[in-house]
Amino acid sequence: MQRLQQLDGQLEAMLSTDGDVDPQLLQQLLQQREQILHELMAKPEQLEKSAWQAAVERTSCLLEQISQRRDQSAGQLQRLQHGQRSMQVYNKFR
């Protein structure tokens, strides 16, 4: 469970920055998290209810942060594509 907490801390720090997120590193960390969760679920008798509940809450927070990042990136992409189309139209009439 401690490994999961450390990994969640890394993910939260990565998603909390204002700069760009490295998609490969994010994917790698999420895959590691999934693997740890599978290992923990394989031994449910060793899990404390409060620790598991905290992990579920962290999962919800991480999903929300990822969703916000995705929406932010989608907005940036939309603005970029609009700008590119505007430049194409401008260059037609030059």
N, C-alpha and C. Protein backbone atom coordinates (compact mmCIF):
# COMPACT_ATOMS: atom_id res chain seq x y z
N MET A 1 0.83 -1.19 0.00
CA MET A 1 0.00 0.00 0.00
C MET A 1 0.87 1.24 0.00
N GLN A 2 2.03 1.15 0.62
CA GLN A 2 2.94 2.29 0.65
C GLN A 2 3.44 2.63 -0.75
N ARG A 3 3.73 1.59 -1.55
CA ARG A 3 4.16 1.83 -2.94
C ARG A 3 3.07 2.58 -3.72
N LEU A 4 1.82 2.22 -3.47
CA LEU A 4 0.70 2.88 -4.14
C LEU A 4 0.62 4.35 -3.73
N GLN A 5 0.82 4.62 -2.45
CA GLN A 5 0.80 6.00 -1.97
C GLN A 5 1.92 6.83 -2.61
N GLN A 6 3.10 6.25 -2.70
CA GLN A 6 4.23 6.95 -3.31
C GLN A 6 3.96 7.24 -4.78
N LEU A 7 3.44 6.26 -5.48
CA LEU A 7 3.13 6.41 -6.89
C LEU A 7 2.03 7.46 -7.09
N ASP A 8 1.02 7.43 -6.22
CA ASP A 8 -0.04 8.43 -6.30
C ASP A 8 0.52 9.84 -6.07
N GLY A 9 1.48 9.95 -5.17
CA GLY A 9 2.13 11.24 -4.94
C GLY A 9 2.85 11.73 -6.17
N GLN A 10 3.55 10.83 -6.86
CA GLN A 10 4.23 11.19 -8.11
C GLN A 10 3.23 11.65 -9.16
N LEU A 11 2.14 10.89 -9.29
CA LEU A 11 1.12 11.25 -10.29
C LEU A 11 0.49 12.59 -9.97
N GLU A 12 0.17 12.81 -8.71
CA GLU A 12 -0.45 14.07 -8.31
C GLU A 12 0.49 15.24 -8.56
N ALA A 13 1.77 15.06 -8.25
CA ALA A 13 2.75 16.13 -8.50
C ALA A 13 2.86 16.42 -9.99
N MET A 14 2.88 15.37 -10.80
CA MET A 14 2.98 15.55 -12.24
C MET A 14 1.76 16.29 -12.80
N LEU A 15 0.59 15.92 -12.33
CA LEU A 15 -0.64 16.53 -12.84
C LEU A 15 -0.90 17.92 -12.28
N SER A 16 -0.24 18.27 -11.18
CA SER A 16 -0.45 19.57 -10.55
C SER A 16 0.39 20.68 -11.18
N THR A 17 1.39 20.32 -11.96
CA THR A 17 2.25 21.33 -12.56
C THR A 17 1.50 22.09 -13.65
N ASP A 18 1.92 23.32 -13.89
CA ASP A 18 1.29 24.12 -14.93
C ASP A 18 1.78 23.76 -16.32
N GLY A 19 2.95 23.18 -16.41
CA GLY A 19 3.54 22.86 -17.70
C GLY A 19 2.93 21.62 -18.33
N ASP A 20 3.52 21.23 -19.45
CA ASP A 20 3.05 20.05 -20.16
C ASP A 20 3.41 18.79 -19.39
N VAL A 21 2.59 17.78 -19.55
CA VAL A 21 2.81 16.48 -18.93
C VAL A 21 3.37 15.55 -19.99
N ASP A 22 4.42 14.82 -19.64
CA ASP A 22 5.01 13.84 -20.55
C ASP A 22 4.05 12.65 -20.66
N PRO A 23 3.43 12.46 -21.83
CA PRO A 23 2.42 11.39 -21.94
C PRO A 23 2.99 9.99 -21.73
N GLN A 24 4.23 9.75 -22.15
CA GLN A 24 4.81 8.42 -21.97
C GLN A 24 5.05 8.14 -20.48
N LEU A 25 5.54 9.14 -19.76
CA LEU A 25 5.78 8.97 -18.33
C LEU A 25 4.46 8.79 -17.60
N LEU A 26 3.45 9.55 -17.97
CA LEU A 26 2.13 9.41 -17.36
C LEU A 26 1.58 8.00 -17.60
N GLN A 27 1.69 7.52 -18.80
CA GLN A 27 1.21 6.18 -19.12
C GLN A 27 1.97 5.13 -18.32
N GLN A 28 3.28 5.30 -18.22
CA GLN A 28 4.10 4.35 -17.48
C GLN A 28 3.69 4.31 -16.00
N LEU A 29 3.50 5.49 -15.40
CA LEU A 29 3.11 5.54 -14.00
C LEU A 29 1.72 4.95 -13.78
N LEU A 30 0.80 5.21 -14.71
CA LEU A 30 -0.54 4.66 -14.58
C LEU A 30 -0.54 3.13 -14.72
N GLN A 31 0.32 2.62 -15.59
CA GLN A 31 0.44 1.16 -15.73
C GLN A 31 1.02 0.54 -14.46
N GLN A 32 2.01 1.22 -13.88
CA GLN A 32 2.57 0.73 -12.62
C GLN A 32 1.51 0.73 -11.53
N ARG A 33 0.69 1.77 -11.52
CA ARG A 33 -0.38 1.87 -10.52
C ARG A 33 -1.38 0.74 -10.70
N GLU A 34 -1.74 0.47 -11.94
CA GLU A 34 -2.68 -0.62 -12.21
C GLU A 34 -2.11 -1.96 -11.73
N GLN A 35 -0.84 -2.17 -11.97
CA GLN A 35 -0.19 -3.42 -11.56
C GLN A 35 -0.21 -3.54 -10.03
N ILE A 36 0.10 -2.46 -9.34
CA ILE A 36 0.08 -2.49 -7.88
C ILE A 36 -1.32 -2.78 -7.36
N LEU A 37 -2.32 -2.15 -7.98
CA LEU A 37 -3.71 -2.40 -7.56
C LEU A 37 -4.09 -3.86 -7.75
N HIS A 38 -3.67 -4.46 -8.86
CA HIS A 38 -3.96 -5.88 -9.09
C HIS A 38 -3.29 -6.75 -8.03
N GLU A 39 -2.06 -6.39 -7.67
CA GLU A 39 -1.35 -7.14 -6.63
C GLU A 39 -2.08 -7.03 -5.30
N LEU A 40 -2.55 -5.83 -4.99
CA LEU A 40 -3.26 -5.62 -3.72
C LEU A 40 -4.59 -6.36 -3.70
N MET A 41 -5.30 -6.35 -4.82
CA MET A 41 -6.59 -7.02 -4.87
C MET A 41 -6.45 -8.54 -4.82
N ALA A 42 -5.28 -9.05 -5.17
CA ALA A 42 -5.04 -10.49 -5.12
C ALA A 42 -4.95 -10.97 -3.66
N LYS A 43 -4.66 -10.04 -2.74
CA LYS A 43 -4.54 -10.39 -1.32
C LYS A 43 -5.44 -9.47 -0.48
N PRO A 44 -6.74 -9.58 -0.64
CA PRO A 44 -7.65 -8.66 0.06
C PRO A 44 -7.61 -8.79 1.58
N GLU A 45 -7.18 -9.94 2.08
CA GLU A 45 -7.14 -10.14 3.53
C GLU A 45 -6.07 -9.27 4.20
N GLN A 46 -5.09 -8.80 3.43
CA GLN A 46 -4.02 -7.98 3.99
C GLN A 46 -4.35 -6.48 3.96
N LEU A 47 -5.48 -6.12 3.37
CA LEU A 47 -5.82 -4.70 3.22
C LEU A 47 -6.63 -4.20 4.40
N GLU A 48 -6.26 -3.04 4.87
CA GLU A 48 -7.05 -2.37 5.89
C GLU A 48 -8.14 -1.57 5.19
N LYS A 49 -9.31 -1.56 5.77
CA LYS A 49 -10.44 -0.87 5.14
C LYS A 49 -10.16 0.62 4.98
N SER A 50 -9.57 1.24 5.98
CA SER A 50 -9.32 2.69 5.90
C SER A 50 -8.27 3.01 4.83
N ALA A 51 -7.24 2.17 4.73
CA ALA A 51 -6.20 2.39 3.71
C ALA A 51 -6.78 2.19 2.33
N TRP A 52 -7.64 1.18 2.17
CA TRP A 52 -8.26 0.93 0.88
C TRP A 52 -9.18 2.09 0.50
N GLN A 53 -9.94 2.60 1.47
CA GLN A 53 -10.84 3.73 1.22
C GLN A 53 -10.03 4.96 0.79
N ALA A 54 -8.89 5.18 1.42
CA ALA A 54 -8.03 6.30 1.05
C ALA A 54 -7.52 6.13 -0.38
N ALA A 55 -7.19 4.90 -0.75
CA ALA A 55 -6.72 4.63 -2.12
C ALA A 55 -7.84 4.90 -3.13
N VAL A 56 -9.06 4.54 -2.78
CA VAL A 56 -10.20 4.80 -3.66
C VAL A 56 -10.41 6.31 -3.83
N GLU A 57 -10.28 7.06 -2.74
CA GLU A 57 -10.42 8.51 -2.81
C GLU A 57 -9.31 9.13 -3.66
N ARG A 58 -8.08 8.64 -3.51
CA ARG A 58 -6.98 9.15 -4.33
C ARG A 58 -7.22 8.82 -5.80
N THR A 59 -7.78 7.65 -6.07
CA THR A 59 -8.11 7.28 -7.45
C THR A 59 -9.10 8.26 -8.05
N SER A 60 -10.12 8.62 -7.29
CA SER A 60 -11.11 9.58 -7.77
C SER A 60 -10.47 10.94 -8.06
N CYS A 61 -9.60 11.37 -7.17
CA CYS A 61 -8.91 12.65 -7.36
C CYS A 61 -8.02 12.62 -8.60
N LEU A 62 -7.29 11.51 -8.77
CA LEU A 62 -6.41 11.39 -9.94
C LEU A 62 -7.22 11.38 -11.23
N LEU A 63 -8.34 10.67 -11.22
CA LEU A 63 -9.18 10.64 -12.42
C LEU A 63 -9.71 12.03 -12.75
N GLU A 64 -10.07 12.79 -11.74
CA GLU A 64 -10.55 14.15 -11.95
C GLU A 64 -9.44 15.03 -12.52
N GLN A 65 -8.23 14.91 -11.97
CA GLN A 65 -7.10 15.70 -12.49
C GLN A 65 -6.79 15.33 -13.94
N ILE A 66 -6.81 14.05 -14.25
CA ILE A 66 -6.53 13.60 -15.62
C ILE A 66 -7.61 14.13 -16.56
N SER A 67 -8.85 14.09 -16.13
CA SER A 67 -9.95 14.60 -16.94
C SER A 67 -9.80 16.09 -17.20
N GLN A 68 -9.42 16.84 -16.17
CA GLN A 68 -9.21 18.28 -16.34
C GLN A 68 -8.06 18.55 -17.31
N ARG A 69 -6.99 17.78 -17.19
CA ARG A 69 -5.85 17.94 -18.11
C ARG A 69 -6.26 17.64 -19.54
N ARG A 70 -7.05 16.57 -19.72
CA ARG A 70 -7.51 16.18 -21.05
C ARG A 70 -8.36 17.29 -21.66
N ASP A 71 -9.27 17.84 -20.87
CA ASP A 71 -10.13 18.92 -21.35
C ASP A 71 -9.30 20.16 -21.70
N GLN A 72 -8.32 20.45 -20.87
CA GLN A 72 -7.45 21.60 -21.12
C GLN A 72 -6.66 21.39 -22.42
N SER A 73 -6.14 20.20 -22.62
CA SER A 73 -5.38 19.90 -23.84
C SER A 73 -6.29 19.95 -25.06
N ALA A 74 -7.51 19.46 -24.93
CA ALA A 74 -8.46 19.50 -26.04
C ALA A 74 -8.77 20.94 -26.43
N GLY A 75 -8.91 21.82 -25.45
CA GLY A 75 -9.16 23.24 -25.72
C GLY A 75 -7.98 23.88 -26.44
N GLN A 76 -6.78 23.55 -26.00
CA GLN A 76 -5.58 24.08 -26.65
C GLN A 76 -5.49 23.60 -28.09
N LEU A 77 -5.79 22.34 -28.31
CA LEU A 77 -5.75 21.78 -29.66
C LEU A 77 -6.78 22.46 -30.55
N GLN A 78 -7.96 22.70 -30.01
CA GLN A 78 -9.01 23.36 -30.77
C GLN A 78 -8.57 24.77 -31.18
N ARG A 79 -7.97 25.51 -30.26
CA ARG A 79 -7.50 26.87 -30.58
C ARG A 79 -6.40 26.83 -31.63
N LEU A 80 -5.50 25.85 -31.52
CA LEU A 80 -4.42 25.71 -32.49
C LEU A 80 -4.97 25.40 -33.88
N GLN A 81 -5.91 24.47 -33.94
CA GLN A 81 -6.49 24.12 -35.24
C GLN A 81 -7.26 25.29 -35.84
N HIS A 82 -7.95 26.05 -35.03
CA HIS A 82 -8.68 27.23 -35.52
C HIS A 82 -7.69 28.25 -36.08
N GLY A 83 -6.59 28.44 -35.36
CA GLY A 83 -5.57 29.37 -35.82
C GLY A 83 -4.96 28.92 -37.15
N GLN A 84 -4.73 27.64 -37.28
CA GLN A 84 -4.16 27.12 -38.53
C GLN A 84 -5.14 27.31 -39.69
N ARG A 85 -6.43 27.06 -39.45
CA ARG A 85 -7.42 27.27 -40.51
C ARG A 85 -7.51 28.74 -40.88
N SER A 86 -7.42 29.60 -39.89
CA SER A 86 -7.46 31.03 -40.17
C SER A 86 -6.27 31.45 -41.03
N MET A 87 -5.10 30.90 -40.74
CA MET A 87 -3.92 31.22 -41.53
C MET A 87 -4.06 30.70 -42.96
N GLN A 88 -4.66 29.54 -43.13
CA GLN A 88 -4.87 29.00 -44.47
C GLN A 88 -5.79 29.90 -45.28
N VAL A 89 -6.87 30.36 -44.65
CA VAL A 89 -7.80 31.25 -45.34
C VAL A 89 -7.11 32.57 -45.67
N TYR A 90 -6.33 33.09 -44.72
CA TYR A 90 -5.61 34.35 -44.93
C TYR A 90 -4.64 34.21 -46.09
N ASN A 91 -3.92 33.09 -46.12
CA ASN A 91 -2.92 32.89 -47.19
C ASN A 91 -3.57 32.70 -48.56
N LYS A 92 -4.81 32.25 -48.62
CA LYS A 92 -5.51 32.13 -49.90
C LYS A 92 -5.73 33.49 -50.53
N PHE A 93 -6.02 34.47 -49.70
CA PHE A 93 -6.36 35.81 -50.22
C PHE A 93 -5.19 36.75 -50.24
N ARG A 94 -4.03 36.30 -49.99
CA ARG A 94 -2.82 37.13 -50.01
C ARG A 94 -2.40 37.45 -51.40
